[in-house]
Amino acid sequence: MPGFHANFFSFFRLTYLCLIYYIGIQIKANTSSLRQRLWREYRALDSLLRTMTSQGPLTPGSFYLMRRKCGKPSCRCARGELHPVWVLTRSLEGQHKLYSVPADQRSRVRTLAGAWRRYQRARARLVKQTAALLALADRIALAQKEDWP
């Protein structure tokens, strides 16, 4: 049955070529949707960058209420009633620094530290979104890649 094998291989070759053509069309369609998604995510960076750059003045660190002992043996803190102290903490050159914040400056320091925290969160989102954009761009390049020769 030599005719059977010839017909089978002709059919197989035709099916294979149709499959390759279909995959090529799918890759082109997928590339288009990836490209649209890439531009959508790129435009979304606009609001994130505006958030990062519109913070105004900011101070690195965390602002919080800490309770501590003063060290006097006859003080109430020796019995467990600790003294409340508002502090700003930050890391400088690998060392944690703690700064007491006077009562008249607490509102301003709270605002400045809050702006820093919002900036840091927006920056972290920017890093994630930029990595996602690069991954999308790489997927598009891979889909469009054509080996030669």
N, C-alpha and C. Protein backbone atom coordinates (compact mmCIF):
# COMPACT_ATOMS: atom_id res chain seq x y z
N MET A 1 0.83 -1.20 0.00
CA MET A 1 0.00 0.00 0.00
C MET A 1 0.87 1.25 0.00
N PRO A 2 1.69 1.40 -1.02
CA PRO A 2 2.51 2.59 -1.07
C PRO A 2 1.68 3.85 -1.26
N GLY A 3 0.56 3.80 -1.90
CA GLY A 3 -0.29 4.97 -2.11
C GLY A 3 -0.88 5.48 -0.80
N PHE A 4 -1.15 4.55 0.11
CA PHE A 4 -1.71 4.93 1.41
C PHE A 4 -0.72 5.82 2.15
N HIS A 5 0.54 5.41 2.21
CA HIS A 5 1.55 6.18 2.94
C HIS A 5 1.75 7.55 2.31
N ALA A 6 1.76 7.62 1.01
CA ALA A 6 1.93 8.90 0.33
C ALA A 6 0.77 9.83 0.63
N ASN A 7 -0.47 9.29 0.58
CA ASN A 7 -1.64 10.10 0.89
C ASN A 7 -1.65 10.53 2.36
N PHE A 8 -1.26 9.59 3.23
CA PHE A 8 -1.25 9.89 4.67
C PHE A 8 -0.26 11.02 4.96
N PHE A 9 0.92 10.93 4.38
CA PHE A 9 1.92 11.96 4.63
C PHE A 9 1.54 13.29 3.99
N SER A 10 0.86 13.26 2.86
CA SER A 10 0.37 14.51 2.25
C SER A 10 -0.68 15.14 3.15
N PHE A 11 -1.58 14.31 3.68
CA PHE A 11 -2.60 14.80 4.60
C PHE A 11 -1.94 15.35 5.87
N PHE A 12 -0.98 14.62 6.40
CA PHE A 12 -0.29 15.02 7.61
C PHE A 12 0.44 16.35 7.38
N ARG A 13 1.11 16.49 6.23
CA ARG A 13 1.83 17.72 5.92
C ARG A 13 0.86 18.89 5.78
N LEU A 14 -0.28 18.67 5.14
CA LEU A 14 -1.29 19.72 4.99
C LEU A 14 -1.85 20.12 6.35
N THR A 15 -2.14 19.13 7.19
CA THR A 15 -2.65 19.40 8.54
C THR A 15 -1.61 20.19 9.35
N TYR A 16 -0.36 19.79 9.24
CA TYR A 16 0.73 20.46 9.95
C TYR A 16 0.84 21.92 9.50
N LEU A 17 0.77 22.16 8.20
CA LEU A 17 0.86 23.53 7.68
C LEU A 17 -0.33 24.37 8.14
N CYS A 18 -1.52 23.76 8.17
CA CYS A 18 -2.70 24.49 8.67
C CYS A 18 -2.54 24.83 10.15
N LEU A 19 -1.99 23.91 10.91
CA LEU A 19 -1.77 24.14 12.33
C LEU A 19 -0.77 25.27 12.54
N ILE A 20 0.32 25.24 11.79
CA ILE A 20 1.33 26.31 11.89
C ILE A 20 0.71 27.65 11.53
N TYR A 21 -0.10 27.69 10.48
CA TYR A 21 -0.77 28.92 10.06
C TYR A 21 -1.70 29.42 11.17
N TYR A 22 -2.48 28.49 11.77
CA TYR A 22 -3.41 28.84 12.85
C TYR A 22 -2.64 29.38 14.05
N ILE A 23 -1.54 28.73 14.40
CA ILE A 23 -0.74 29.20 15.53
C ILE A 23 -0.18 30.59 15.24
N GLY A 24 0.26 30.82 14.00
CA GLY A 24 0.76 32.14 13.62
C GLY A 24 -0.30 33.21 13.78
N ILE A 25 -1.52 32.90 13.39
CA ILE A 25 -2.62 33.86 13.54
C ILE A 25 -2.89 34.10 15.03
N GLN A 26 -2.88 33.04 15.82
CA GLN A 26 -3.11 33.17 17.26
C GLN A 26 -2.03 34.02 17.91
N ILE A 27 -0.78 33.83 17.50
CA ILE A 27 0.31 34.62 18.07
C ILE A 27 0.14 36.09 17.71
N LYS A 28 -0.25 36.37 16.46
CA LYS A 28 -0.48 37.76 16.06
C LYS A 28 -1.62 38.37 16.87
N ALA A 29 -2.72 37.61 17.04
CA ALA A 29 -3.85 38.13 17.82
C ALA A 29 -3.43 38.32 19.27
N ASN A 30 -2.66 37.37 19.80
CA ASN A 30 -2.20 37.47 21.17
C ASN A 30 -1.26 38.66 21.32
N THR A 31 -0.42 38.90 20.33
CA THR A 31 0.49 40.04 20.36
C THR A 31 -0.30 41.34 20.41
N SER A 32 -1.37 41.42 19.65
CA SER A 32 -2.20 42.62 19.64
C SER A 32 -2.81 42.86 21.02
N SER A 33 -3.35 41.83 21.63
CA SER A 33 -3.96 42.00 22.96
C SER A 33 -2.89 42.32 24.01
N LEU A 34 -1.71 41.72 23.87
CA LEU A 34 -0.62 42.04 24.79
C LEU A 34 -0.19 43.49 24.64
N ARG A 35 -0.12 43.94 23.40
CA ARG A 35 0.27 45.33 23.14
C ARG A 35 -0.75 46.29 23.73
N GLN A 36 -2.05 45.99 23.58
CA GLN A 36 -3.09 46.84 24.15
C GLN A 36 -2.99 46.86 25.68
N ARG A 37 -2.74 45.70 26.26
CA ARG A 37 -2.60 45.61 27.71
C ARG A 37 -1.37 46.40 28.19
N LEU A 38 -0.28 46.31 27.44
CA LEU A 38 0.93 47.05 27.78
C LEU A 38 0.65 48.55 27.82
N TRP A 39 -0.04 49.08 26.82
CA TRP A 39 -0.34 50.52 26.78
C TRP A 39 -1.31 50.92 27.88
N ARG A 40 -2.28 50.05 28.18
CA ARG A 40 -3.21 50.33 29.28
C ARG A 40 -2.47 50.47 30.60
N GLU A 41 -1.58 49.53 30.86
CA GLU A 41 -0.82 49.57 32.12
C GLU A 41 0.17 50.73 32.13
N TYR A 42 0.69 51.08 30.98
CA TYR A 42 1.59 52.22 30.89
C TYR A 42 0.85 53.51 31.25
N ARG A 43 -0.37 53.66 30.73
CA ARG A 43 -1.16 54.86 31.04
C ARG A 43 -1.54 54.91 32.52
N ALA A 44 -1.68 53.74 33.15
CA ALA A 44 -2.03 53.71 34.58
C ALA A 44 -0.88 54.23 35.44
N LEU A 45 0.33 54.24 34.92
CA LEU A 45 1.46 54.77 35.68
C LEU A 45 1.32 56.27 35.94
N ASP A 46 0.57 56.95 35.10
CA ASP A 46 0.41 58.40 35.22
C ASP A 46 -0.10 58.79 36.60
N SER A 47 -1.18 58.17 37.05
CA SER A 47 -1.74 58.54 38.35
C SER A 47 -0.80 58.16 39.48
N LEU A 48 -0.10 57.06 39.32
CA LEU A 48 0.85 56.63 40.34
C LEU A 48 2.02 57.62 40.46
N LEU A 49 2.53 58.06 39.32
CA LEU A 49 3.62 59.04 39.35
C LEU A 49 3.16 60.38 39.91
N ARG A 50 1.91 60.74 39.62
CA ARG A 50 1.37 61.98 40.20
C ARG A 50 1.29 61.87 41.72
N THR A 51 0.87 60.71 42.22
CA THR A 51 0.81 60.50 43.66
C THR A 51 2.19 60.62 44.28
N MET A 52 3.18 60.05 43.62
CA MET A 52 4.53 60.08 44.16
C MET A 52 5.12 61.49 44.19
N THR A 53 4.82 62.28 43.18
CA THR A 53 5.46 63.59 43.07
C THR A 53 4.64 64.73 43.68
N SER A 54 3.43 64.47 44.11
CA SER A 54 2.59 65.54 44.65
C SER A 54 2.51 65.49 46.17
N GLN A 55 3.40 64.79 46.81
CA GLN A 55 3.35 64.65 48.26
C GLN A 55 3.73 65.94 48.99
N GLY A 56 4.55 66.76 48.39
CA GLY A 56 5.05 67.94 49.09
C GLY A 56 6.18 67.51 50.01
N PRO A 57 6.42 68.28 51.08
CA PRO A 57 7.51 67.90 51.99
C PRO A 57 7.21 66.57 52.68
N LEU A 58 8.25 65.79 52.91
CA LEU A 58 8.09 64.52 53.60
C LEU A 58 9.34 64.23 54.43
N THR A 59 9.15 63.43 55.46
CA THR A 59 10.24 63.07 56.35
C THR A 59 10.31 61.56 56.45
N PRO A 60 11.47 60.98 56.13
CA PRO A 60 11.60 59.53 56.27
C PRO A 60 11.49 59.12 57.74
N GLY A 61 10.82 58.02 57.97
CA GLY A 61 10.72 57.49 59.32
C GLY A 61 9.29 57.13 59.68
N SER A 62 9.17 56.58 60.87
CA SER A 62 7.87 56.20 61.41
C SER A 62 7.59 57.04 62.66
N PHE A 63 6.37 57.53 62.74
CA PHE A 63 5.95 58.37 63.86
C PHE A 63 4.93 57.58 64.68
N TYR A 64 5.22 57.40 65.95
CA TYR A 64 4.30 56.62 66.79
C TYR A 64 4.48 56.96 68.26
N LEU A 65 3.52 56.49 69.05
CA LEU A 65 3.54 56.68 70.50
C LEU A 65 4.26 55.50 71.13
N MET A 66 5.29 55.81 71.90
CA MET A 66 6.05 54.78 72.58
C MET A 66 5.89 55.00 74.08
N ARG A 67 5.86 53.93 74.83
CA ARG A 67 5.78 54.02 76.29
C ARG A 67 7.09 53.49 76.85
N ARG A 68 7.68 54.26 77.79
CA ARG A 68 8.99 53.86 78.30
C ARG A 68 9.15 54.20 79.77
N LYS A 69 10.17 53.62 80.35
CA LYS A 69 10.53 53.90 81.75
C LYS A 69 11.58 55.01 81.78
N CYS A 70 11.51 55.82 82.84
CA CYS A 70 12.50 56.89 82.98
C CYS A 70 13.71 56.42 83.78
N GLY A 71 13.56 55.41 84.60
CA GLY A 71 14.68 54.86 85.36
C GLY A 71 14.69 55.23 86.83
N LYS A 72 13.83 56.15 87.26
CA LYS A 72 13.81 56.53 88.68
C LYS A 72 13.10 55.43 89.46
N PRO A 73 13.67 54.96 90.52
CA PRO A 73 13.06 53.84 91.27
C PRO A 73 11.73 54.21 91.95
N SER A 74 11.52 55.48 92.28
CA SER A 74 10.28 55.86 92.97
C SER A 74 9.19 56.35 92.01
N CYS A 75 9.45 56.35 90.71
CA CYS A 75 8.48 56.86 89.73
C CYS A 75 7.38 55.84 89.48
N ARG A 76 6.25 56.30 88.99
CA ARG A 76 5.11 55.43 88.67
C ARG A 76 5.47 54.42 87.58
N CYS A 77 6.45 54.76 86.73
CA CYS A 77 6.82 53.84 85.65
C CYS A 77 7.51 52.59 86.22
N ALA A 78 8.08 52.69 87.40
CA ALA A 78 8.68 51.52 88.03
C ALA A 78 7.59 50.52 88.45
N ARG A 79 6.37 51.01 88.65
CA ARG A 79 5.24 50.13 89.02
C ARG A 79 4.47 49.66 87.78
N GLY A 80 4.92 50.06 86.58
CA GLY A 80 4.27 49.59 85.36
C GLY A 80 3.51 50.64 84.58
N GLU A 81 3.31 51.83 85.13
CA GLU A 81 2.62 52.90 84.41
C GLU A 81 3.66 53.68 83.60
N LEU A 82 3.88 53.27 82.38
CA LEU A 82 4.95 53.83 81.56
C LEU A 82 4.61 55.23 81.06
N HIS A 83 5.67 56.01 80.78
CA HIS A 83 5.50 57.37 80.29
C HIS A 83 5.26 57.35 78.77
N PRO A 84 4.21 58.07 78.30
CA PRO A 84 4.00 58.14 76.85
C PRO A 84 4.94 59.17 76.21
N VAL A 85 5.58 58.78 75.10
CA VAL A 85 6.48 59.66 74.38
C VAL A 85 6.23 59.46 72.89
N TRP A 86 5.95 60.56 72.18
CA TRP A 86 5.81 60.48 70.72
C TRP A 86 7.20 60.55 70.11
N VAL A 87 7.49 59.61 69.20
CA VAL A 87 8.83 59.53 68.62
C VAL A 87 8.76 59.37 67.11
N LEU A 88 9.85 59.77 66.48
CA LEU A 88 10.08 59.51 65.06
C LEU A 88 11.30 58.61 65.00
N THR A 89 11.17 57.47 64.34
CA THR A 89 12.31 56.57 64.19
C THR A 89 12.67 56.48 62.73
N ARG A 90 13.97 56.36 62.49
CA ARG A 90 14.45 56.17 61.12
C ARG A 90 15.78 55.46 61.18
N SER A 91 16.15 54.93 60.05
CA SER A 91 17.41 54.22 59.95
C SER A 91 18.40 55.11 59.21
N LEU A 92 19.53 55.39 59.84
CA LEU A 92 20.59 56.19 59.24
C LEU A 92 21.88 55.39 59.28
N GLU A 93 22.44 55.16 58.10
CA GLU A 93 23.70 54.42 57.97
C GLU A 93 23.64 53.08 58.69
N GLY A 94 22.51 52.39 58.56
CA GLY A 94 22.36 51.07 59.15
C GLY A 94 22.01 51.07 60.63
N GLN A 95 21.92 52.22 61.26
CA GLN A 95 21.60 52.33 62.68
C GLN A 95 20.21 52.94 62.84
N HIS A 96 19.43 52.39 63.75
CA HIS A 96 18.11 52.95 64.03
C HIS A 96 18.27 54.12 65.00
N LYS A 97 17.70 55.24 64.61
CA LYS A 97 17.74 56.45 65.45
C LYS A 97 16.33 56.76 65.90
N LEU A 98 16.21 57.20 67.14
CA LEU A 98 14.93 57.52 67.74
C LEU A 98 14.97 58.98 68.17
N TYR A 99 13.98 59.76 67.74
CA TYR A 99 13.91 61.18 68.06
C TYR A 99 12.61 61.47 68.79
N SER A 100 12.69 62.08 69.97
CA SER A 100 11.49 62.52 70.66
C SER A 100 10.92 63.73 69.93
N VAL A 101 9.61 63.76 69.80
CA VAL A 101 8.96 64.86 69.08
C VAL A 101 8.21 65.72 70.10
N PRO A 102 8.57 67.00 70.19
CA PRO A 102 7.89 67.89 71.12
C PRO A 102 6.40 68.04 70.77
N ALA A 103 5.59 68.35 71.76
CA ALA A 103 4.14 68.44 71.59
C ALA A 103 3.74 69.43 70.50
N ASP A 104 4.45 70.54 70.40
CA ASP A 104 4.07 71.56 69.42
C ASP A 104 4.41 71.16 67.98
N GLN A 105 5.21 70.12 67.78
CA GLN A 105 5.58 69.71 66.43
C GLN A 105 4.97 68.37 66.00
N ARG A 106 4.17 67.77 66.87
CA ARG A 106 3.61 66.44 66.58
C ARG A 106 2.74 66.41 65.33
N SER A 107 1.91 67.41 65.16
CA SER A 107 1.02 67.44 64.01
C SER A 107 1.81 67.50 62.71
N ARG A 108 2.80 68.37 62.68
CA ARG A 108 3.62 68.50 61.46
C ARG A 108 4.41 67.23 61.17
N VAL A 109 5.02 66.64 62.19
CA VAL A 109 5.81 65.42 61.99
C VAL A 109 4.90 64.27 61.56
N ARG A 110 3.70 64.20 62.12
CA ARG A 110 2.74 63.16 61.72
C ARG A 110 2.41 63.30 60.23
N THR A 111 2.18 64.54 59.78
CA THR A 111 1.89 64.79 58.37
C THR A 111 3.07 64.43 57.48
N LEU A 112 4.26 64.85 57.88
CA LEU A 112 5.47 64.58 57.08
C LEU A 112 5.77 63.08 57.00
N ALA A 113 5.64 62.37 58.11
CA ALA A 113 5.90 60.93 58.11
C ALA A 113 4.83 60.18 57.32
N GLY A 114 3.59 60.67 57.39
CA GLY A 114 2.51 60.06 56.59
C GLY A 114 2.76 60.23 55.11
N ALA A 115 3.26 61.41 54.72
CA ALA A 115 3.59 61.65 53.30
C ALA A 115 4.72 60.71 52.86
N TRP A 116 5.68 60.49 53.73
CA TRP A 116 6.77 59.57 53.41
C TRP A 116 6.24 58.15 53.21
N ARG A 117 5.33 57.73 54.09
CA ARG A 117 4.75 56.39 53.99
C ARG A 117 3.97 56.23 52.68
N ARG A 118 3.19 57.25 52.31
CA ARG A 118 2.45 57.20 51.04
C ARG A 118 3.41 57.15 49.85
N TYR A 119 4.48 57.92 49.93
CA TYR A 119 5.49 57.89 48.87
C TYR A 119 6.11 56.49 48.74
N GLN A 120 6.46 55.88 49.87
CA GLN A 120 7.08 54.56 49.85
C GLN A 120 6.13 53.51 49.27
N ARG A 121 4.87 53.59 49.61
CA ARG A 121 3.88 52.63 49.06
C ARG A 121 3.72 52.82 47.56
N ALA A 122 3.64 54.09 47.13
CA ALA A 122 3.51 54.36 45.70
C ALA A 122 4.77 53.90 44.96
N ARG A 123 5.92 54.08 45.56
CA ARG A 123 7.19 53.64 44.95
C ARG A 123 7.21 52.12 44.80
N ALA A 124 6.75 51.42 45.82
CA ALA A 124 6.70 49.95 45.75
C ALA A 124 5.76 49.50 44.63
N ARG A 125 4.61 50.18 44.50
CA ARG A 125 3.69 49.84 43.40
C ARG A 125 4.33 50.14 42.05
N LEU A 126 5.08 51.24 41.97
CA LEU A 126 5.77 51.58 40.72
C LEU A 126 6.77 50.49 40.33
N VAL A 127 7.50 49.99 41.30
CA VAL A 127 8.47 48.92 41.03
C VAL A 127 7.75 47.69 40.49
N LYS A 128 6.63 47.31 41.12
CA LYS A 128 5.87 46.14 40.66
C LYS A 128 5.30 46.36 39.26
N GLN A 129 4.73 47.54 39.04
CA GLN A 129 4.12 47.80 37.74
C GLN A 129 5.16 47.91 36.63
N THR A 130 6.32 48.44 36.95
CA THR A 130 7.38 48.52 35.96
C THR A 130 7.87 47.13 35.60
N ALA A 131 7.99 46.26 36.59
CA ALA A 131 8.39 44.87 36.32
C ALA A 131 7.34 44.18 35.46
N ALA A 132 6.07 44.45 35.73
CA ALA A 132 4.99 43.86 34.93
C ALA A 132 5.03 44.39 33.49
N LEU A 133 5.32 45.68 33.33
CA LEU A 133 5.44 46.25 31.98
C LEU A 133 6.59 45.60 31.22
N LEU A 134 7.71 45.42 31.88
CA LEU A 134 8.84 44.77 31.22
C LEU A 134 8.52 43.33 30.84
N ALA A 135 7.80 42.64 31.72
CA ALA A 135 7.42 41.26 31.41
C ALA A 135 6.50 41.21 30.19
N LEU A 136 5.55 42.15 30.12
CA LEU A 136 4.67 42.22 28.95
C LEU A 136 5.46 42.53 27.68
N ALA A 137 6.37 43.47 27.77
CA ALA A 137 7.19 43.83 26.60
C ALA A 137 8.02 42.62 26.16
N ASP A 138 8.54 41.86 27.10
CA ASP A 138 9.31 40.66 26.76
C ASP A 138 8.43 39.61 26.09
N ARG A 139 7.19 39.46 26.58
CA ARG A 139 6.28 38.50 25.96
C ARG A 139 5.95 38.91 24.53
N ILE A 140 5.77 40.21 24.30
CA ILE A 140 5.49 40.69 22.95
C ILE A 140 6.69 40.41 22.05
N ALA A 141 7.89 40.72 22.54
CA ALA A 141 9.09 40.49 21.74
C ALA A 141 9.25 39.00 21.43
N LEU A 142 8.95 38.16 22.40
CA LEU A 142 9.06 36.71 22.18
C LEU A 142 8.04 36.24 21.15
N ALA A 143 6.84 36.78 21.20
CA ALA A 143 5.81 36.40 20.23
C ALA A 143 6.15 36.88 18.83
N GLN A 144 6.86 37.99 18.72
CA GLN A 144 7.21 38.54 17.42
C GLN A 144 8.56 38.03 16.91
N LYS A 145 9.25 37.29 17.74
CA LYS A 145 10.59 36.82 17.39
C LYS A 145 10.54 35.91 16.17
N GLU A 146 11.46 36.15 15.28
CA GLU A 146 11.55 35.33 14.07
C GLU A 146 13.01 34.90 13.94
N ASP A 147 13.24 33.61 13.98
CA ASP A 147 14.60 33.11 13.88
C ASP A 147 15.08 33.20 12.43
N TRP A 148 16.29 33.64 12.31
CA TRP A 148 16.88 33.70 11.00
C TRP A 148 18.35 33.33 11.11
N PRO A 149 18.93 32.68 10.32
CA PRO A 149 18.49 31.83 9.22
C PRO A 149 17.96 30.53 9.72
